[in-house]
Amino acid sequence: MNRQWMYGDRRTSEYIKGLHNFLEAAEANKQNGFMHCPCTVCENTKAFSNSKTLHFHLLEKGFMPHYNVWTKHGERGVMMEDNEEEEDDDNYPPPEYGDAAMGEAEDQEEPDDVPDDDLRRVIVDAQRECESEREKLKFDRILENHKKGLYPNCEDGNTKLGTTLELLQWKADNGVSDKGFSSLLKIMKKKLPKDNELPGSTYEAKKVLCPLGLEVQKIHACPNDCILYRGEYEDLNACPVCDALRYKIRRDDPGDVEGERPRKRVPAKVMWYAPIIPRLKRLFRNKEHAKLMRWHKENRKKDGKLRAPADGSQWRKIERTWGDFAGDARNV
């Protein structure tokens, strides 16, 4: 559900067209003859009988933040896209978390023709932490993708892994949807030489990178950003604030069929949480990075001048309050 126009320039034709579509939905879903106004002032707490009032408010003040699902104007939740269920896989962490600290490959032999760069060291470092042969085999495959050229006889240094990582980083930086990114990959794949290694969908691209990701936790969220489904809300199926459904609505949903496994439900929105401790562990595994992480304690010039955050009053307050913690050079 792409409604970025709601928070763009209100003078553009895209905003005007989207606003008219919203007003039509509001008119069609009046409640006792009234329509809630989702402008930044009313925030759906006030209702009016005439859509012209909503039109004026939304042109002048814009939509309230995070009103992506129009629960006060006839919508119940987010609709699923075609084939979306197959692409929602719990086993693949988001590639945005693949920028782990580069580890040193110690006591491990590598073939001479494998490029010796930072990305390879990330893979080797992660492989040494594996606890099972199955995980090690995954990293063997990703090392192979790091060595494999993007297309036959590729001599420009572009590899399957490096290109996939670069494209997924671009996707994250620009907020491109999975569906739009898959369309781009299909176009690019046709333009490249025959038998190229470029993934054909977002799902395939994430699968290429999945072992690189650090530990992440998936937490379901309200599509309007009202709550996270954790703690007291963990077992709810709808947001208690805006009534938006927790899971996406299937098109032509036949419901559960007796004798068949229940179909997987896809959350309307997911927050990816990357715990800080695994990231710090990766940083301290690298000798050069570990040295920089201790710099504020071991190498900082202390001459009474404000040269780094460690020279600030807040840092000194931490040192006074938690002396044992402050005494550890690894207390980043």
Protein backbone atom coordinates (compact mmCIF):
# COMPACT_ATOMS: atom_id res chain seq x y z
CA MET A 1 0.00 0.00 0.00
CA ASN A 2 1.97 2.97 -1.31
CA ARG A 3 0.56 6.22 0.05
CA GLN A 4 3.68 8.33 0.14
CA TRP A 5 1.74 11.07 -1.64
CA MET A 6 -0.06 11.79 1.65
CA TYR A 7 3.09 13.29 3.10
CA GLY A 8 4.55 14.93 0.01
CA ASP A 9 4.12 18.38 -1.51
CA ARG A 10 0.43 19.29 -1.23
CA ARG A 11 0.66 21.40 -4.39
CA THR A 12 1.42 18.47 -6.69
CA SER A 13 -1.09 16.76 -8.96
CA GLU A 14 -0.29 13.46 -7.23
CA TYR A 15 -1.45 14.83 -3.88
CA ILE A 16 -4.59 16.40 -5.38
CA LYS A 17 -5.53 13.16 -7.11
CA GLY A 18 -4.89 11.11 -3.98
CA LEU A 19 -6.89 13.54 -1.87
CA HIS A 20 -9.89 13.21 -4.20
CA ASN A 21 -9.67 9.41 -3.91
CA PHE A 22 -9.59 9.72 -0.12
CA LEU A 23 -12.63 12.03 -0.09
CA GLU A 24 -14.56 9.54 -2.23
CA ALA A 25 -13.73 6.80 0.28
CA ALA A 26 -14.76 9.08 3.16
CA GLU A 27 -18.09 9.93 1.48
CA ALA A 28 -18.81 6.24 0.83
CA ASN A 29 -18.13 5.32 4.46
CA LYS A 30 -19.91 8.02 6.44
CA GLN A 31 -20.80 7.15 10.02
CA ASN A 32 -24.22 8.51 10.94
CA GLY A 33 -23.80 11.09 8.21
CA PHE A 34 -20.41 12.35 9.44
CA MET A 35 -16.78 11.88 8.35
CA HIS A 36 -13.74 11.99 10.61
CA CYS A 37 -11.11 14.54 9.61
CA PRO A 38 -7.54 13.15 9.63
CA CYS A 39 -5.74 16.51 9.30
CA THR A 40 -2.85 17.39 11.61
CA VAL A 41 -5.17 19.42 13.88
CA CYS A 42 -8.32 17.27 14.02
CA GLU A 43 -6.48 13.90 13.99
CA ASN A 44 -9.73 11.97 13.49
CA THR A 45 -11.17 13.35 16.74
CA LYS A 46 -13.57 15.69 14.94
CA ALA A 47 -16.19 14.76 12.33
CA PHE A 48 -17.97 16.83 9.68
CA SER A 49 -20.95 16.21 7.43
CA ASN A 50 -19.49 17.98 4.38
CA SER A 51 -16.44 16.66 2.54
CA LYS A 52 -15.55 20.21 1.52
CA THR A 53 -14.45 20.83 5.12
CA LEU A 54 -12.12 17.83 4.99
CA HIS A 55 -10.87 18.98 1.59
CA PHE A 56 -9.99 22.42 2.96
CA HIS A 57 -8.33 21.05 6.12
CA LEU A 58 -6.22 18.49 4.27
CA LEU A 59 -5.09 21.00 1.67
CA GLU A 60 -4.14 23.56 4.28
CA LYS A 61 -2.74 21.36 7.05
CA GLY A 62 -2.04 17.95 5.52
CA PHE A 63 -2.69 14.46 6.89
CA MET A 64 -1.93 13.47 10.46
CA PRO A 65 1.26 11.38 10.80
CA HIS A 66 1.17 7.63 10.14
CA TYR A 67 -2.38 7.41 8.82
CA ASN A 68 -1.49 4.81 6.21
CA VAL A 69 -4.56 2.62 6.70
CA TRP A 70 -7.81 4.60 6.66
CA THR A 71 -9.49 2.74 9.51
CA LYS A 72 -11.85 5.66 10.21
CA HIS A 73 -12.87 5.77 6.56
CA GLY A 74 -13.84 2.21 5.65
CA GLU A 75 -10.59 0.25 5.63
CA ARG A 76 -9.89 -2.66 7.96
CA GLY A 77 -6.25 -3.38 7.15
CA VAL A 78 -3.60 -3.87 4.47
CA MET A 79 -4.44 -5.97 1.41
CA MET A 80 -2.00 -8.66 0.33
CA GLU A 81 -0.26 -8.39 -3.02
CA ASP A 82 -0.22 -11.30 -5.45
CA ASN A 83 2.16 -14.12 -4.36
CA GLU A 84 3.19 -12.15 -1.29
CA GLU A 85 2.83 -15.12 1.05
CA GLU A 86 5.66 -17.01 -0.61
CA GLU A 87 7.99 -14.03 -0.26
CA ASP A 88 7.36 -13.52 3.44
CA ASP A 89 9.91 -15.91 4.95
CA ASP A 90 10.94 -15.85 8.59
CA ASN A 91 14.28 -17.47 7.80
CA TYR A 92 15.74 -14.54 5.94
CA PRO A 93 16.80 -11.46 7.94
CA PRO A 94 16.72 -8.09 6.16
CA PRO A 95 19.89 -7.34 4.19
CA GLU A 96 20.03 -3.86 5.79
CA TYR A 97 21.55 -5.59 8.81
CA GLY A 98 24.32 -7.23 6.80
CA ASP A 99 26.85 -4.43 7.30
CA ALA A 100 28.61 -6.28 10.09
CA ALA A 101 32.06 -5.34 11.29
CA MET A 102 34.80 -6.87 9.20
CA GLY A 103 36.52 -9.74 10.96
CA GLU A 104 40.07 -10.97 10.50
CA ALA A 105 40.42 -14.46 9.04
CA GLU A 106 42.74 -16.24 11.42
CA ASP A 107 44.18 -19.71 10.96
CA GLN A 108 41.98 -20.38 7.96
CA GLU A 109 43.23 -21.22 4.50
CA GLU A 110 41.48 -19.76 1.49
CA PRO A 111 41.94 -20.48 -2.21
CA ASP A 112 44.34 -18.07 -3.92
CA ASP A 113 41.74 -16.93 -6.46
CA VAL A 114 39.21 -15.72 -3.86
CA PRO A 115 39.25 -11.89 -3.70
CA ASP A 116 40.78 -10.77 -0.39
CA ASP A 117 38.58 -7.85 0.59
CA ASP A 118 36.45 -6.63 3.47
CA LEU A 119 33.34 -8.49 2.34
CA ARG A 120 35.18 -11.82 2.24
CA ARG A 121 36.49 -11.20 5.74
CA VAL A 122 32.94 -10.59 6.96
CA ILE A 123 31.90 -13.96 5.59
CA VAL A 124 34.90 -15.84 6.96
CA ASP A 125 34.48 -14.20 10.36
CA ALA A 126 30.81 -15.19 10.51
CA GLN A 127 31.60 -18.70 9.30
CA ARG A 128 34.00 -19.27 12.20
CA GLU A 129 31.17 -18.50 14.63
CA CYS A 130 28.88 -21.17 13.16
CA GLU A 131 27.74 -23.88 15.54
CA SER A 132 26.61 -26.44 12.97
CA GLU A 133 27.79 -27.91 9.70
CA ARG A 134 24.57 -26.75 8.04
CA GLU A 135 25.39 -23.12 8.82
CA LYS A 136 28.94 -23.55 7.57
CA LEU A 137 27.63 -24.90 4.27
CA LYS A 138 25.53 -21.75 3.87
CA PHE A 139 28.64 -19.63 4.16
CA ASP A 140 30.46 -21.89 1.71
CA ARG A 141 27.73 -21.04 -0.81
CA ILE A 142 27.93 -17.34 -0.07
CA LEU A 143 31.72 -17.41 -0.52
CA GLU A 144 31.10 -19.07 -3.88
CA ASN A 145 28.69 -16.26 -4.81
CA HIS A 146 31.35 -13.74 -3.78
CA LYS A 147 33.74 -15.35 -6.23
CA LYS A 148 31.19 -15.91 -9.03
CA GLY A 149 31.01 -13.24 -11.75
CA LEU A 150 27.71 -11.50 -12.47
CA TYR A 151 27.61 -13.01 -15.96
CA PRO A 152 29.79 -15.38 -18.04
CA ASN A 153 33.23 -13.95 -18.83
CA CYS A 154 32.59 -10.97 -16.56
CA GLU A 155 35.88 -9.08 -16.25
CA ASP A 156 34.77 -5.83 -14.61
CA GLY A 157 34.92 -7.18 -11.05
CA ASN A 158 31.13 -7.36 -10.55
CA THR A 159 30.17 -10.48 -8.63
CA LYS A 160 26.79 -12.01 -7.85
CA LEU A 161 27.10 -11.29 -4.13
CA GLY A 162 28.57 -7.80 -4.43
CA THR A 163 26.00 -6.65 -6.99
CA THR A 164 23.10 -8.07 -4.98
CA LEU A 165 24.35 -6.37 -1.82
CA GLU A 166 24.76 -3.04 -3.62
CA LEU A 167 21.26 -3.19 -5.11
CA LEU A 168 19.63 -4.10 -1.81
CA GLN A 169 21.45 -1.24 -0.11
CA TRP A 170 20.08 1.09 -2.79
CA LYS A 171 16.60 -0.33 -2.16
CA ALA A 172 16.87 0.39 1.56
CA ASP A 173 18.29 3.90 1.08
CA ASN A 174 15.47 4.91 -1.25
CA GLY A 175 12.56 3.15 0.44
CA VAL A 176 11.68 1.05 -2.62
CA SER A 177 8.93 -1.53 -2.05
CA ASP A 178 9.59 -5.25 -2.52
CA LYS A 179 7.21 -5.35 -5.48
CA GLY A 180 8.89 -2.39 -7.20
CA PHE A 181 12.36 -3.83 -6.55
CA SER A 182 11.36 -7.18 -8.06
CA SER A 183 10.15 -5.38 -11.19
CA LEU A 184 13.50 -3.56 -11.45
CA LEU A 185 15.43 -6.82 -11.09
CA LYS A 186 13.41 -8.43 -13.90
CA ILE A 187 14.17 -5.49 -16.21
CA MET A 188 17.90 -5.51 -15.36
CA LYS A 189 18.13 -9.28 -15.77
CA LYS A 190 16.84 -8.99 -19.35
CA LYS A 191 19.43 -6.32 -20.16
CA LEU A 192 22.39 -8.37 -18.93
CA PRO A 193 24.07 -11.13 -21.00
CA LYS A 194 22.42 -14.50 -21.17
CA ASP A 195 22.92 -16.87 -18.19
CA ASN A 196 23.63 -13.98 -15.81
CA GLU A 197 23.50 -14.53 -12.04
CA LEU A 198 21.38 -11.53 -11.07
CA PRO A 199 18.48 -12.55 -8.74
CA GLY A 200 15.07 -12.31 -10.39
CA SER A 201 13.07 -11.16 -7.36
CA THR A 202 13.41 -9.50 -3.96
CA TYR A 203 12.94 -12.89 -2.32
CA GLU A 204 15.86 -14.40 -4.26
CA ALA A 205 18.06 -11.37 -3.52
CA LYS A 206 17.45 -11.62 0.22
CA LYS A 207 18.09 -15.34 0.07
CA VAL A 208 21.53 -14.70 -1.43
CA LEU A 209 22.46 -12.53 1.55
CA CYS A 210 20.59 -14.23 4.38
CA PRO A 211 23.61 -15.74 6.22
CA LEU A 212 25.32 -12.33 6.43
CA GLY A 213 22.72 -10.80 8.70
CA LEU A 214 23.27 -10.31 12.40
CA GLU A 215 20.77 -11.55 14.95
CA VAL A 216 17.47 -9.73 14.54
CA GLN A 217 14.07 -9.87 16.21
CA LYS A 218 10.86 -9.47 14.20
CA ILE A 219 8.15 -7.58 16.06
CA HIS A 220 4.74 -7.10 14.47
CA ALA A 221 3.53 -3.49 14.41
CA CYS A 222 0.32 -1.62 13.71
CA PRO A 223 0.36 -0.38 10.08
CA ASN A 224 -0.45 3.09 11.44
CA ASP A 225 2.46 2.86 13.94
CA CYS A 226 0.17 3.01 16.98
CA ILE A 227 1.59 0.01 18.88
CA LEU A 228 4.00 -2.91 18.74
CA TYR A 229 2.47 -6.35 19.25
CA ARG A 230 4.55 -7.23 22.30
CA GLY A 231 3.95 -7.29 26.03
CA GLU A 232 0.27 -6.74 26.79
CA TYR A 233 -0.55 -6.51 23.06
CA GLU A 234 1.28 -9.69 22.01
CA ASP A 235 -1.83 -11.82 21.44
CA LEU A 236 -4.07 -9.20 19.83
CA ASN A 237 -5.23 -9.45 16.21
CA ALA A 238 -6.17 -5.79 15.81
CA CYS A 239 -4.79 -2.47 17.03
CA PRO A 240 -6.63 -1.27 20.18
CA VAL A 241 -6.02 2.35 19.12
CA CYS A 242 -7.08 2.54 15.46
CA ASP A 243 -8.66 -0.95 14.93
CA ALA A 244 -6.35 -1.78 11.99
CA LEU A 245 -5.89 -5.52 11.55
CA ARG A 246 -2.59 -7.07 12.56
CA TYR A 247 -2.38 -9.34 9.51
CA LYS A 248 -2.83 -8.54 5.83
CA ILE A 249 -6.19 -9.26 4.25
CA ARG A 250 -6.16 -11.95 1.59
CA ARG A 251 -7.89 -11.36 -1.71
CA ASP A 252 -10.74 -13.87 -2.16
CA ASP A 253 -9.81 -15.61 1.09
CA PRO A 254 -11.56 -19.02 1.22
CA GLY A 255 -10.72 -19.39 4.92
CA ASP A 256 -9.22 -22.48 6.52
CA VAL A 257 -10.13 -25.71 4.72
CA GLU A 258 -10.60 -28.87 6.74
CA GLY A 259 -7.82 -31.37 6.17
CA GLU A 260 -5.36 -28.76 4.89
CA ARG A 261 -2.69 -26.90 6.80
CA PRO A 262 -3.76 -23.38 7.82
CA ARG A 263 -2.40 -20.79 5.43
CA LYS A 264 0.37 -18.58 6.74
CA ARG A 265 -0.72 -15.13 7.87
CA VAL A 266 1.42 -12.22 6.76
CA PRO A 267 1.81 -9.32 9.23
CA ALA A 268 0.70 -5.92 7.96
CA LYS A 269 3.89 -4.32 9.26
CA VAL A 270 7.05 -5.64 10.89
CA MET A 271 9.69 -3.83 12.89
CA TRP A 272 13.18 -5.33 12.67
CA TYR A 273 15.10 -4.92 15.93
CA ALA A 274 18.85 -5.57 15.88
CA PRO A 275 20.16 -6.17 19.44
CA ILE A 276 23.28 -4.14 20.18
CA ILE A 277 25.30 -6.90 21.89
CA PRO A 278 25.88 -9.07 18.77
CA ARG A 279 26.97 -5.94 16.87
CA LEU A 280 29.47 -5.01 19.58
CA LYS A 281 30.81 -8.57 19.57
CA ARG A 282 31.45 -8.33 15.82
CA LEU A 283 33.26 -5.02 16.28
CA PHE A 284 35.50 -6.30 19.07
CA ARG A 285 36.42 -9.43 17.11
CA ASN A 286 38.39 -7.25 14.72
CA LYS A 287 41.73 -6.10 16.19
CA GLU A 288 41.76 -2.72 14.46
CA HIS A 289 38.15 -1.97 15.27
CA ALA A 290 38.60 -3.10 18.89
CA LYS A 291 41.50 -0.67 19.24
CA LEU A 292 39.33 2.19 17.96
CA MET A 293 36.51 1.16 20.32
CA ARG A 294 38.91 1.65 23.27
CA TRP A 295 40.46 4.86 21.97
CA HIS A 296 38.49 7.16 24.29
CA LYS A 297 40.10 5.44 27.29
CA GLU A 298 43.56 4.47 26.09
CA ASN A 299 44.65 7.05 23.52
CA ARG A 300 42.50 10.14 23.98
CA LYS A 301 44.43 13.35 24.61
CA LYS A 302 43.32 14.77 27.96
CA ASP A 303 44.28 18.44 28.07
CA GLY A 304 41.06 20.01 29.34
CA LYS A 305 39.82 20.86 25.84
CA LEU A 306 36.64 19.54 24.28
CA ARG A 307 37.95 17.26 21.53
CA ALA A 308 35.56 14.27 21.68
CA PRO A 309 32.27 13.26 23.33
CA ALA A 310 34.33 11.70 26.13
CA ASP A 311 35.47 15.21 27.11
CA GLY A 312 31.89 16.38 27.68
CA SER A 313 30.12 16.96 30.98
CA GLN A 314 27.59 14.16 30.38
CA TRP A 315 30.38 11.61 29.98
CA ARG A 316 32.01 12.81 33.20
CA LYS A 317 28.66 12.45 34.97
CA ILE A 318 28.50 8.81 33.87
CA GLU A 319 32.03 8.29 35.18
CA ARG A 320 31.08 9.74 38.58
CA THR A 321 27.84 7.74 38.84
CA TRP A 322 29.04 4.36 37.53
CA GLY A 323 32.73 4.22 38.37
CA ASP A 324 33.22 0.49 37.68
CA PHE A 325 31.62 0.81 34.25
CA ALA A 326 33.65 3.92 33.44
CA GLY A 327 36.87 2.15 34.38
CA ASP A 328 36.42 -0.49 31.65
CA ALA A 329 37.98 0.63 28.37
CA ARG A 330 35.31 -1.33 26.48
CA ASN A 331 32.44 0.69 27.92
CA VAL A 332 31.16 2.08 24.60
